[in-house]
PDB file of N, CA and C in Angstrom:
ATOM      1  N   MET A   1      14.962  78.739  41.922  1.00  0.00           N
ATOM      2  CA  MET A   1      15.635  77.619  41.307  1.00  0.00           C
ATOM      3  C   MET A   1      14.736  77.044  40.225  1.00  0.00           C
ATOM      4  N   ALA A   2      15.268  76.790  39.071  1.00  0.00           N
ATOM      5  CA  ALA A   2      14.496  76.259  37.955  1.00  0.00           C
ATOM      6  C   ALA A   2      14.160  74.793  38.200  1.00  0.00           C
ATOM      7  N   LYS A   3      13.051  74.350  37.632  1.00  0.00           N
ATOM      8  CA  LYS A   3      12.616  72.971  37.824  1.00  0.00           C
ATOM      9  C   LYS A   3      13.615  71.971  37.261  1.00  0.00           C
ATOM     10  N   ASP A   4      14.224  72.276  36.140  1.00  0.00           N
ATOM     11  CA  ASP A   4      15.128  71.330  35.506  1.00  0.00           C
ATOM     12  C   ASP A   4      16.530  71.351  36.125  1.00  0.00           C
ATOM     13  N   ALA A   5      16.800  72.257  37.055  1.00  0.00           N
ATOM     14  CA  ALA A   5      18.128  72.307  37.676  1.00  0.00           C
ATOM     15  C   ALA A   5      18.319  71.173  38.675  1.00  0.00           C
ATOM     16  N   PHE A   6      17.246  70.734  39.313  1.00  0.00           N
ATOM     17  CA  PHE A   6      17.362  69.681  40.329  1.00  0.00           C
ATOM     18  C   PHE A   6      17.810  68.344  39.736  1.00  0.00           C
ATOM     19  N   PRO A   7      17.219  67.848  38.637  1.00  0.00           N
ATOM     20  CA  PRO A   7      17.703  66.582  38.089  1.00  0.00           C
ATOM     21  C   PRO A   7      19.144  66.649  37.595  1.00  0.00           C
ATOM     22  N   ASP A   8      19.592  67.818  37.157  1.00  0.00           N
ATOM     23  CA  ASP A   8      20.970  67.926  36.694  1.00  0.00           C
ATOM     24  C   ASP A   8      21.960  67.900  37.843  1.00  0.00           C
ATOM     25  N   THR A   9      21.590  68.436  38.996  1.00  0.00           N
ATOM     26  CA  THR A   9      22.532  68.492  40.104  1.00  0.00           C
ATOM     27  C   THR A   9      22.533  67.218  40.944  1.00  0.00           C
ATOM     28  N   LEU A  10      21.416  66.525  41.016  1.00  0.00           N
ATOM     29  CA  LEU A  10      21.349  65.320  41.831  1.00  0.00           C
ATOM     30  C   LEU A  10      22.275  64.213  41.320  1.00  0.00           C
ATOM     31  N   PRO A  11      22.270  63.874  40.035  1.00  0.00           N
ATOM     32  CA  PRO A  11      23.216  62.858  39.565  1.00  0.00           C
ATOM     33  C   PRO A  11      24.677  63.301  39.721  1.00  0.00           C
ATOM     34  N   GLY A  12      24.936  64.581  39.507  1.00  0.00           N
ATOM     35  CA  GLY A  12      26.303  65.074  39.689  1.00  0.00           C
ATOM     36  C   GLY A  12      26.754  64.985  41.134  1.00  0.00           C
ATOM     37  N   ALA A  13      25.842  65.300  42.054  1.00  0.00           N
ATOM     38  CA  ALA A  13      26.178  65.204  43.475  1.00  0.00           C
ATOM     39  C   ALA A  13      26.396  63.753  43.881  1.00  0.00           C
ATOM     40  N   ALA A  14      25.555  62.851  43.376  1.00  0.00           N
ATOM     41  CA  ALA A  14      25.705  61.431  43.701  1.00  0.00           C
ATOM     42  C   ALA A  14      27.012  60.883  43.130  1.00  0.00           C
ATOM     43  N   ALA A  15      27.346  61.282  41.904  1.00  0.00           N
ATOM     44  CA  ALA A  15      28.595  60.823  41.291  1.00  0.00           C
ATOM     45  C   ALA A  15      29.802  61.356  42.055  1.00  0.00           C
ATOM     46  N   SER A  16      29.739  62.599  42.478  1.00  0.00           N
ATOM     47  CA  SER A  16      30.837  63.185  43.249  1.00  0.00           C
ATOM     48  C   SER A  16      30.975  62.499  44.611  1.00  0.00           C
ATOM     49  N   LEU A  17      29.852  62.224  45.236  1.00  0.00           N
ATOM     50  CA  LEU A  17      29.878  61.519  46.526  1.00  0.00           C
ATOM     51  C   LEU A  17      30.503  60.140  46.370  1.00  0.00           C
ATOM     52  N   TRP A  18      30.092  59.401  45.337  1.00  0.00           N
ATOM     53  CA  TRP A  18      30.637  58.064  45.114  1.00  0.00           C
ATOM     54  C   TRP A  18      32.126  58.122  44.781  1.00  0.00           C
ATOM     55  N   ARG A  19      32.527  59.084  43.957  1.00  0.00           N
ATOM     56  CA  ARG A  19      33.937  59.219  43.589  1.00  0.00           C
ATOM     57  C   ARG A  19      34.792  59.503  44.818  1.00  0.00           C
ATOM     58  N   ASN A  20      34.341  60.406  45.678  1.00  0.00           N
ATOM     59  CA  ASN A  20      35.092  60.720  46.893  1.00  0.00           C
ATOM     60  C   ASN A  20      35.119  59.542  47.864  1.00  0.00           C
ATOM     61  N   TYR A  21      34.024  58.785  47.918  1.00  0.00           N
ATOM     62  CA  TYR A  21      33.985  57.603  48.788  1.00  0.00           C
ATOM     63  C   TYR A  21      34.997  56.556  48.318  1.00  0.00           C
ATOM     64  N   VAL A  22      35.030  56.300  47.014  1.00  0.00           N
ATOM     65  CA  VAL A  22      35.934  55.284  46.472  1.00  0.00           C
ATOM     66  C   VAL A  22      37.385  55.705  46.649  1.00  0.00           C
ATOM     67  N   ARG A  23      37.671  56.970  46.442  1.00  0.00           N
ATOM     68  CA  ARG A  23      39.050  57.451  46.546  1.00  0.00           C
ATOM     69  C   ARG A  23      39.516  57.644  47.980  1.00  0.00           C
ATOM     70  N   GLY A  24      38.640  58.143  48.844  1.00  0.00           N
ATOM     71  CA  GLY A  24      39.101  58.575  50.152  1.00  0.00           C
ATOM     72  C   GLY A  24      38.834  57.646  51.321  1.00  0.00           C
ATOM     73  N   THR A  25      38.085  56.578  51.116  1.00  0.00           N
ATOM     74  CA  THR A  25      37.745  55.696  52.221  1.00  0.00           C
ATOM     75  C   THR A  25      38.715  54.522  52.262  1.00  0.00           C
ATOM     76  N   PRO A  26      39.287  54.232  53.436  1.00  0.00           N
ATOM     77  CA  PRO A  26      40.195  53.081  53.540  1.00  0.00           C
ATOM     78  C   PRO A  26      39.468  51.763  53.257  1.00  0.00           C
ATOM     79  N   ALA A  27      40.225  50.756  52.859  1.00  0.00           N
ATOM     80  CA  ALA A  27      39.645  49.467  52.459  1.00  0.00           C
ATOM     81  C   ALA A  27      38.910  48.785  53.609  1.00  0.00           C
ATOM     82  N   HIS A  28      39.433  48.890  54.827  1.00  0.00           N
ATOM     83  CA  HIS A  28      38.761  48.205  55.931  1.00  0.00           C
ATOM     84  C   HIS A  28      37.403  48.841  56.245  1.00  0.00           C
ATOM     85  N   LEU A  29      37.265  50.136  56.012  1.00  0.00           N
ATOM     86  CA  LEU A  29      35.966  50.774  56.210  1.00  0.00           C
ATOM     87  C   LEU A  29      34.996  50.397  55.093  1.00  0.00           C
ATOM     88  N   LYS A  30      35.501  50.199  53.892  1.00  0.00           N
ATOM     89  CA  LYS A  30      34.642  49.745  52.799  1.00  0.00           C
ATOM     90  C   LYS A  30      34.122  48.340  53.083  1.00  0.00           C
ATOM     91  N   LEU A  31      34.950  47.498  53.676  1.00  0.00           N
ATOM     92  CA  LEU A  31      34.527  46.150  54.036  1.00  0.00           C
ATOM     93  C   LEU A  31      33.437  46.190  55.103  1.00  0.00           C
ATOM     94  N   ILE A  32      33.594  47.046  56.089  1.00  0.00           N
ATOM     95  CA  ILE A  32      32.568  47.204  57.118  1.00  0.00           C
ATOM     96  C   ILE A  32      31.288  47.762  56.500  1.00  0.00           C
ATOM     97  N   ASP A  33      31.414  48.695  55.568  1.00  0.00           N
ATOM     98  CA  ASP A  33      30.239  49.253  54.895  1.00  0.00           C
ATOM     99  C   ASP A  33      29.503  48.178  54.094  1.00  0.00           C
ATOM    100  N   ALA A  34      30.251  47.287  53.438  1.00  0.00           N
ATOM    101  CA  ALA A  34      29.612  46.191  52.696  1.00  0.00           C
ATOM    102  C   ALA A  34      28.858  45.275  53.657  1.00  0.00           C
ATOM    103  N   TYR A  35      29.420  45.007  54.824  1.00  0.00           N
ATOM    104  CA  TYR A  35      28.744  44.204  55.839  1.00  0.00           C
ATOM    105  C   TYR A  35      27.480  44.909  56.334  1.00  0.00           C
ATOM    106  N   LEU A  36      27.545  46.223  56.485  1.00  0.00           N
ATOM    107  CA  LEU A  36      26.371  46.990  56.900  1.00  0.00           C
ATOM    108  C   LEU A  36      25.262  46.919  55.848  1.00  0.00           C
ATOM    109  N   VAL A  37      25.624  46.990  54.578  1.00  0.00           N
ATOM    110  CA  VAL A  37      24.627  46.881  53.514  1.00  0.00           C
ATOM    111  C   VAL A  37      24.001  45.482  53.538  1.00  0.00           C
ATOM    112  N   TYR A  38      24.820  44.451  53.752  1.00  0.00           N
ATOM    113  CA  TYR A  38      24.300  43.081  53.853  1.00  0.00           C
ATOM    114  C   TYR A  38      23.311  42.960  55.011  1.00  0.00           C
ATOM    115  N   LEU A  39      23.657  43.504  56.167  1.00  0.00           N
ATOM    116  CA  LEU A  39      22.750  43.434  57.315  1.00  0.00           C
ATOM    117  C   LEU A  39      21.463  44.195  57.064  1.00  0.00           C
ATOM    118  N   LEU A  40      21.561  45.341  56.416  1.00  0.00           N
ATOM    119  CA  LEU A  40      20.371  46.120  56.085  1.00  0.00           C
ATOM    120  C   LEU A  40      19.460  45.334  55.147  1.00  0.00           C
ATOM    121  N   CYS A  41      20.030  44.739  54.112  1.00  0.00           N
ATOM    122  CA  CYS A  41      19.237  43.944  53.166  1.00  0.00           C
ATOM    123  C   CYS A  41      18.638  42.721  53.851  1.00  0.00           C
ATOM    124  N   SER A  42      19.378  42.112  54.756  1.00  0.00           N
ATOM    125  CA  SER A  42      18.873  40.956  55.490  1.00  0.00           C
ATOM    126  C   SER A  42      17.674  41.335  56.354  1.00  0.00           C
ATOM    127  N   GLY A  43      17.768  42.440  57.056  1.00  0.00           N
ATOM    128  CA  GLY A  43      16.657  42.892  57.880  1.00  0.00           C
ATOM    129  C   GLY A  43      15.439  43.254  57.056  1.00  0.00           C
ATOM    130  N   ILE A  44      15.655  43.920  55.922  1.00  0.00           N
ATOM    131  CA  ILE A  44      14.540  44.281  55.042  1.00  0.00           C
ATOM    132  C   ILE A  44      13.883  43.025  54.477  1.00  0.00           C
ATOM    133  N   ALA A  45      14.694  42.044  54.061  1.00  0.00           N
ATOM    134  CA  ALA A  45      14.140  40.802  53.507  1.00  0.00           C
ATOM    135  C   ALA A  45      13.308  40.063  54.553  1.00  0.00           C
ATOM    136  N   GLN A  46      13.774  40.024  55.797  1.00  0.00           N
ATOM    137  CA  GLN A  46      13.005  39.358  56.848  1.00  0.00           C
ATOM    138  C   GLN A  46      11.693  40.080  57.113  1.00  0.00           C
ATOM    139  N   PHE A  47      11.727  41.398  57.125  1.00  0.00           N
ATOM    140  CA  PHE A  47      10.518  42.167  57.373  1.00  0.00           C
ATOM    141  C   PHE A  47       9.508  41.994  56.239  1.00  0.00           C
ATOM    142  N   VAL A  48       9.983  42.034  54.993  1.00  0.00           N
ATOM    143  CA  VAL A  48       9.094  41.843  53.844  1.00  0.00           C
ATOM    144  C   VAL A  48       8.502  40.435  53.872  1.00  0.00           C
ATOM    145  N   TYR A  49       9.308  39.445  54.202  1.00  0.00           N
ATOM    146  CA  TYR A  49       8.812  38.066  54.282  1.00  0.00           C
ATOM    147  C   TYR A  49       7.691  37.949  55.314  1.00  0.00           C
ATOM    148  N   VAL A  50       7.877  38.550  56.478  1.00  0.00           N
ATOM    149  CA  VAL A  50       6.840  38.487  57.513  1.00  0.00           C
ATOM    150  C   VAL A  50       5.574  39.207  57.058  1.00  0.00           C
ATOM    151  N   CYS A  51       5.728  40.330  56.362  1.00  0.00           N
ATOM    152  CA  CYS A  51       4.553  41.054  55.878  1.00  0.00           C
ATOM    153  C   CYS A  51       3.803  40.263  54.817  1.00  0.00           C
ATOM    154  N   LEU A  52       4.523  39.542  53.968  1.00  0.00           N
ATOM    155  CA  LEU A  52       3.882  38.819  52.875  1.00  0.00           C
ATOM    156  C   LEU A  52       3.363  37.444  53.290  1.00  0.00           C
ATOM    157  N   VAL A  53       4.135  36.699  54.067  1.00  0.00           N
ATOM    158  CA  VAL A  53       3.804  35.310  54.366  1.00  0.00           C
ATOM    159  C   VAL A  53       3.034  35.175  55.672  1.00  0.00           C
ATOM    160  N   GLY A  54       3.430  35.901  56.675  1.00  0.00           N
ATOM    161  CA  GLY A  54       2.761  35.799  57.967  1.00  0.00           C
ATOM    162  C   GLY A  54       3.766  35.672  59.089  1.00  0.00           C
ATOM    163  N   THR A  55       3.240  35.624  60.295  1.00  0.00           N
ATOM    164  CA  THR A  55       4.103  35.637  61.482  1.00  0.00           C
ATOM    165  C   THR A  55       3.991  34.349  62.276  1.00  0.00           C
ATOM    166  N   PHE A  56       3.814  33.193  61.588  1.00  0.00           N
ATOM    167  CA  PHE A  56       3.601  31.959  62.340  1.00  0.00           C
ATOM    168  C   PHE A  56       4.705  31.678  63.359  1.00  0.00           C
ATOM    169  N   PRO A  57       5.959  31.499  62.940  1.00  0.00           N
ATOM    170  CA  PRO A  57       6.973  31.353  63.999  1.00  0.00           C
ATOM    171  C   PRO A  57       7.477  32.749  64.413  1.00  0.00           C
ATOM    172  N   PHE A  58       6.667  33.459  65.201  1.00  0.00           N
ATOM    173  CA  PHE A  58       6.965  34.857  65.498  1.00  0.00           C
ATOM    174  C   PHE A  58       8.271  35.005  66.264  1.00  0.00           C
ATOM    175  N   ASN A  59       8.581  34.034  67.143  1.00  0.00           N
ATOM    176  CA  ASN A  59       9.844  34.146  67.870  1.00  0.00           C
ATOM    177  C   ASN A  59      11.038  34.023  66.922  1.00  0.00           C
ATOM    178  N   ALA A  60      10.885  33.263  65.827  1.00  0.00           N
ATOM    179  CA  ALA A  60      11.966  33.160  64.842  1.00  0.00           C
ATOM    180  C   ALA A  60      12.166  34.495  64.137  1.00  0.00           C
ATOM    181  N   PHE A  61      11.057  35.156  63.795  1.00  0.00           N
ATOM    182  CA  PHE A  61      11.178  36.480  63.175  1.00  0.00           C
ATOM    183  C   PHE A  61      11.829  37.467  64.132  1.00  0.00           C
ATOM    184  N   LEU A  62      11.369  37.472  65.378  1.00  0.00           N
ATOM    185  CA  LEU A  62      11.952  38.407  66.348  1.00  0.00           C
ATOM    186  C   LEU A  62      13.437  38.140  66.554  1.00  0.00           C
ATOM    187  N   ALA A  63      13.807  36.880  66.638  1.00  0.00           N
ATOM    188  CA  ALA A  63      15.222  36.548  66.826  1.00  0.00           C
ATOM    189  C   ALA A  63      16.049  36.970  65.616  1.00  0.00           C
ATOM    190  N   GLY A  64      15.574  36.660  64.414  1.00  0.00           N
ATOM    191  CA  GLY A  64      16.333  36.996  63.213  1.00  0.00           C
ATOM    192  C   GLY A  64      16.413  38.492  62.968  1.00  0.00           C
ATOM    193  N   PHE A  65      15.281  39.165  63.087  1.00  0.00           N
ATOM    194  CA  PHE A  65      15.264  40.608  62.844  1.00  0.00           C
ATOM    195  C   PHE A  65      16.037  41.348  63.934  1.00  0.00           C
ATOM    196  N   GLY A  66      15.848  40.939  65.178  1.00  0.00           N
ATOM    197  CA  GLY A  66      16.596  41.563  66.277  1.00  0.00           C
ATOM    198  C   GLY A  66      18.086  41.336  66.154  1.00  0.00           C
ATOM    199  N   SER A  67      18.459  40.161  65.696  1.00  0.00           N
ATOM    200  CA  SER A  67      19.874  39.866  65.487  1.00  0.00           C
ATOM    201  C   SER A  67      20.458  40.740  64.379  1.00  0.00           C
ATOM    202  N   ALA A  68      19.700  40.942  63.305  1.00  0.00           N
ATOM    203  CA  ALA A  68      20.186  41.797  62.213  1.00  0.00           C
ATOM    204  C   ALA A  68      20.343  43.244  62.675  1.00  0.00           C
ATOM    205  N   VAL A  69      19.375  43.728  63.430  1.00  0.00           N
ATOM    206  CA  VAL A  69      19.444  45.106  63.925  1.00  0.00           C
ATOM    207  C   VAL A  69      20.607  45.272  64.904  1.00  0.00           C
ATOM    208  N   ALA A  70      20.738  44.324  65.830  1.00  0.00           N
ATOM    209  CA  ALA A  70      21.814  44.420  66.823  1.00  0.00           C
ATOM    210  C   ALA A  70      23.186  44.297  66.161  1.00  0.00           C
ATOM    211  N   ALA A  71      23.323  43.402  65.193  1.00  0.00           N
ATOM    212  CA  ALA A  71      24.598  43.274  64.483  1.00  0.00           C
ATOM    213  C   ALA A  71      24.906  44.546  63.702  1.00  0.00           C
ATOM    214  N   PHE A  72      23.869  45.193  63.157  1.00  0.00           N
ATOM    215  CA  PHE A  72      24.066  46.464  62.452  1.00  0.00           C
ATOM    216  C   PHE A  72      24.599  47.523  63.414  1.00  0.00           C
ATOM    217  N   VAL A  73      24.016  47.595  64.596  1.00  0.00           N
ATOM    218  CA  VAL A  73      24.462  48.578  65.591  1.00  0.00           C
ATOM    219  C   VAL A  73      25.903  48.299  66.007  1.00  0.00           C
ATOM    220  N   LEU A  74      26.237  47.026  66.221  1.00  0.00           N
ATOM    221  CA  LEU A  74      27.613  46.684  66.602  1.00  0.00           C
ATOM    222  C   LEU A  74      28.592  47.015  65.476  1.00  0.00           C
ATOM    223  N   ALA A  75      28.194  46.793  64.234  1.00  0.00           N
ATOM    224  CA  ALA A  75      29.076  47.104  63.105  1.00  0.00           C
ATOM    225  C   ALA A  75      29.259  48.614  62.940  1.00  0.00           C
ATOM    226  N   VAL A  76      28.213  49.385  63.189  1.00  0.00           N
ATOM    227  CA  VAL A  76      28.351  50.847  63.134  1.00  0.00           C
ATOM    228  C   VAL A  76      29.317  51.311  64.225  1.00  0.00           C
ATOM    229  N   SER A  77      29.210  50.702  65.390  1.00  0.00           N
ATOM    230  CA  SER A  77      30.145  51.032  66.468  1.00  0.00           C
ATOM    231  C   SER A  77      31.574  50.693  66.073  1.00  0.00           C
ATOM    232  N   LEU A  78      31.761  49.538  65.440  1.00  0.00           N
ATOM    233  CA  LEU A  78      33.102  49.159  64.971  1.00  0.00           C
ATOM    234  C   LEU A  78      33.614  50.154  63.940  1.00  0.00           C
ATOM    235  N   ARG A  79      32.743  50.576  63.027  1.00  0.00           N
ATOM    236  CA  ARG A  79      33.163  51.529  61.999  1.00  0.00           C
ATOM    237  C   ARG A  79      33.566  52.861  62.622  1.00  0.00           C
ATOM    238  N   MET A  80      32.796  53.303  63.606  1.00  0.00           N
ATOM    239  CA  MET A  80      33.126  54.572  64.259  1.00  0.00           C
ATOM    240  C   MET A  80      34.463  54.483  65.000  1.00  0.00           C
ATOM    241  N   GLN A  81      34.709  53.343  65.643  1.00  0.00           N
ATOM    242  CA  GLN A  81      35.925  53.207  66.446  1.00  0.00           C
ATOM    243  C   GLN A  81      37.170  52.943  65.611  1.00  0.00           C
ATOM    244  N   THR A  82      37.019  52.467  64.371  1.00  0.00           N
ATOM    245  CA  THR A  82      38.193  52.186  63.537  1.00  0.00           C
ATOM    246  C   THR A  82      38.412  53.240  62.460  1.00  0.00           C
ATOM    247  N   ASN A  83      37.561  54.250  62.394  1.00  0.00           N
ATOM    248  CA  ASN A  83      37.725  55.313  61.408  1.00  0.00           C
ATOM    249  C   ASN A  83      38.877  56.218  61.824  1.00  0.00           C
ATOM    250  N   PRO A  84      39.910  56.353  60.986  1.00  0.00           N
ATOM    251  CA  PRO A  84      41.050  57.196  61.361  1.00  0.00           C
ATOM    252  C   PRO A  84      40.690  58.664  61.573  1.00  0.00           C
ATOM    253  N   GLU A  85      39.590  59.121  61.001  1.00  0.00           N
ATOM    254  CA  GLU A  85      39.183  60.514  61.190  1.00  0.00           C
ATOM    255  C   GLU A  85      38.643  60.777  62.592  1.00  0.00           C
ATOM    256  N   ASN A  86      38.375  59.742  63.356  1.00  0.00           N
ATOM    257  CA  ASN A  86      37.831  59.897  64.709  1.00  0.00           C
ATOM    258  C   ASN A  86      38.900  59.774  65.795  1.00  0.00           C
ATOM    259  N   LYS A  87      40.153  59.883  65.415  1.00  0.00           N
ATOM    260  CA  LYS A  87      41.233  59.720  66.396  1.00  0.00           C
ATOM    261  C   LYS A  87      41.143  60.715  67.541  1.00  0.00           C
ATOM    262  N   GLY A  88      40.782  61.932  67.275  1.00  0.00           N
ATOM    263  CA  GLY A  88      40.764  62.947  68.313  1.00  0.00           C
ATOM    264  C   GLY A  88      39.501  62.973  69.146  1.00  0.00           C
ATOM    265  N   THR A  89      38.411  62.391  68.642  1.00  0.00           N
ATOM    266  CA  THR A  89      37.131  62.515  69.335  1.00  0.00           C
ATOM    267  C   THR A  89      36.804  61.332  70.232  1.00  0.00           C
ATOM    268  N   ILE A  90      37.307  60.145  69.908  1.00  0.00           N
ATOM    269  CA  ILE A  90      37.052  58.961  70.736  1.00  0.00           C
ATOM    270  C   ILE A  90      38.375  58.252  71.009  1.00  0.00           C
ATOM    271  N   ALA A  91      38.342  57.349  71.997  1.00  0.00           N
ATOM    272  CA  ALA A  91      39.527  56.530  72.265  1.00  0.00           C
ATOM    273  C   ALA A  91      39.726  55.618  71.059  1.00  0.00           C
ATOM    274  N   TRP A  92      40.838  55.778  70.358  1.00  0.00           N
ATOM    275  CA  TRP A  92      41.030  55.105  69.081  1.00  0.00           C
ATOM    276  C   TRP A  92      42.013  53.963  69.240  1.00  0.00           C
ATOM    277  N   ASN A  93      41.475  52.745  69.288  1.00  0.00           N
ATOM    278  CA  ASN A  93      42.288  51.543  69.340  1.00  0.00           C
ATOM    279  C   ASN A  93      41.602  50.491  68.484  1.00  0.00           C
ATOM    280  N   PRO A  94      42.005  50.342  67.228  1.00  0.00           N
ATOM    281  CA  PRO A  94      41.300  49.433  66.316  1.00  0.00           C
ATOM    282  C   PRO A  94      41.308  47.974  66.770  1.00  0.00           C
ATOM    283  N   GLN A  95      42.394  47.527  67.391  1.00  0.00           N
ATOM    284  CA  GLN A  95      42.457  46.137  67.834  1.00  0.00           C
ATOM    285  C   GLN A  95      41.435  45.864  68.938  1.00  0.00           C
ATOM    286  N   ARG A  96      41.338  46.782  69.874  1.00  0.00           N
ATOM    287  CA  ARG A  96      40.358  46.608  70.941  1.00  0.00           C
ATOM    288  C   ARG A  96      38.936  46.703  70.395  1.00  0.00           C
ATOM    289  N   ALA A  97      38.714  47.617  69.456  1.00  0.00           N
ATOM    290  CA  ALA A  97      37.384  47.760  68.854  1.00  0.00           C
ATOM    291  C   ALA A  97      36.980  46.462  68.157  1.00  0.00           C
ATOM    292  N   PHE A  98      37.908  45.831  67.431  1.00  0.00           N
ATOM    293  CA  PHE A  98      37.594  44.582  66.757  1.00  0.00           C
ATOM    294  C   PHE A  98      37.336  43.466  67.766  1.00  0.00           C
ATOM    295  N   ALA A  99      38.120  43.416  68.841  1.00  0.00           N
ATOM    296  CA  ALA A  99      37.894  42.406  69.878  1.00  0.00           C
ATOM    297  C   ALA A  99      36.531  42.602  70.533  1.00  0.00           C
ATOM    298  N   ASP A 100      36.171  43.843  70.822  1.00  0.00           N
ATOM    299  CA  ASP A 100      34.840  44.130  71.373  1.00  0.00           C
ATOM    300  C   ASP A 100      33.743  43.683  70.402  1.00  0.00           C
ATOM    301  N   PHE A 101      33.952  43.931  69.120  1.00  0.00           N
ATOM    302  CA  PHE A 101      32.979  43.553  68.102  1.00  0.00           C
ATOM    303  C   PHE A 101      32.795  42.035  68.056  1.00  0.00           C
ATOM    304  N   VAL A 102      33.897  41.304  68.082  1.00  0.00           N
ATOM    305  CA  VAL A 102      33.822  39.838  68.006  1.00  0.00           C
ATOM    306  C   VAL A 102      33.139  39.268  69.248  1.00  0.00           C
ATOM    307  N   VAL A 103      33.556  39.712  70.417  1.00  0.00           N
ATOM    308  CA  VAL A 103      32.958  39.206  71.659  1.00  0.00           C
ATOM    309  C   VAL A 103      31.475  39.562  71.719  1.00  0.00           C
ATOM    310  N   SER A 104      31.125  40.766  71.353  1.00  0.00           N
ATOM    311  CA  SER A 104      29.720  41.188  71.374  1.00  0.00           C
ATOM    312  C   SER A 104      28.881  40.373  70.398  1.00  0.00           C
ATOM    313  N   ASN A 105      29.436  40.068  69.231  1.00  0.00           N
ATOM    314  CA  ASN A 105      28.693  39.258  68.263  1.00  0.00           C
ATOM    315  C   ASN A 105      28.525  37.819  68.737  1.00  0.00           C
ATOM    316  N   VAL A 106      29.517  37.279  69.408  1.00  0.00           N
ATOM    317  CA  VAL A 106      29.380  35.926  69.957  1.00  0.00           C
ATOM    318  C   VAL A 106      28.273  35.903  71.007  1.00  0.00           C
ATOM    319  N   VAL A 107      28.263  36.889  71.896  1.00  0.00           N
ATOM    320  CA  VAL A 107      27.205  36.982  72.907  1.00  0.00           C
ATOM    321  C   VAL A 107      25.849  37.167  72.233  1.00  0.00           C
ATOM    322  N   LEU A 108      25.788  38.000  71.207  1.00  0.00           N
ATOM    323  CA  LEU A 108      24.541  38.220  70.482  1.00  0.00           C
ATOM    324  C   LEU A 108      24.033  36.925  69.855  1.00  0.00           C
ATOM    325  N   GLN A 109      24.914  36.134  69.270  1.00  0.00           N
ATOM    326  CA  GLN A 109      24.481  34.878  68.651  1.00  0.00           C
ATOM    327  C   GLN A 109      23.996  33.883  69.700  1.00  0.00           C
ATOM    328  N   PHE A 110      24.633  33.846  70.866  1.00  0.00           N
ATOM    329  CA  PHE A 110      24.151  32.969  71.947  1.00  0.00           C
ATOM    330  C   PHE A 110      22.754  33.396  72.383  1.00  0.00           C
ATOM    331  N   ILE A 111      22.525  34.674  72.500  1.00  0.00           N
ATOM    332  CA  ILE A 111      21.204  35.178  72.900  1.00  0.00           C
ATOM    333  C   ILE A 111      20.170  34.854  71.832  1.00  0.00           C
ATOM    334  N   THR A 112      20.548  34.999  70.557  1.00  0.00           N
ATOM    335  CA  THR A 112      19.622  34.708  69.469  1.00  0.00           C
ATOM    336  C   THR A 112      19.241  33.233  69.455  1.00  0.00           C
ATOM    337  N   VAL A 113      20.212  32.345  69.585  1.00  0.00           N
ATOM    338  CA  VAL A 113      19.930  30.915  69.601  1.00  0.00           C
ATOM    339  C   VAL A 113      19.095  30.548  70.809  1.00  0.00           C
ATOM    340  N   HIS A 114      19.376  31.155  71.956  1.00  0.00           N
ATOM    341  CA  HIS A 114      18.593  30.892  73.159  1.00  0.00           C
ATOM    342  C   HIS A 114      17.153  31.359  72.967  1.00  0.00           C
ATOM    343  N   PHE A 115      16.957  32.475  72.306  1.00  0.00           N
ATOM    344  CA  PHE A 115      15.609  33.006  72.091  1.00  0.00           C
ATOM    345  C   PHE A 115      14.812  32.107  71.151  1.00  0.00           C
ATOM    346  N   LEU A 116      15.500  31.500  70.189  1.00  0.00           N
ATOM    347  CA  LEU A 116      14.810  30.595  69.268  1.00  0.00           C
ATOM    348  C   LEU A 116      14.252  29.378  70.004  1.00  0.00           C
ATOM    349  N   GLY A 117      14.905  28.986  71.074  1.00  0.00           N
ATOM    350  CA  GLY A 117      14.399  27.856  71.868  1.00  0.00           C
ATOM    351  C   GLY A 117      15.197  26.669  71.604  1.00  0.00           C
TER     352      GLY A 117
END
């Protein structure tokens, strides 16, 4: 493979991936994906802040970072359960998946607030 072939194919592959994502992904999955990106950025920002400023209120960092990670995991679970392509592989009930997501997030927030003190 030539050295200059890699830069030419990488942008084309990324553009094709983005085009297929925009065309083929349902709107509710795009909304969940946007929430996942927000949670990822939130967790990264908290981690960078702790690395730069310090860990004085360490329980606050643990609560915030743990909450971001746990919410990310719950959102990935919601995305998997509401994806129409997964109808044959998992029990597919979007209403129940959303109810599980809401209840789990409420419990997660109670645990986070309790951990803060």
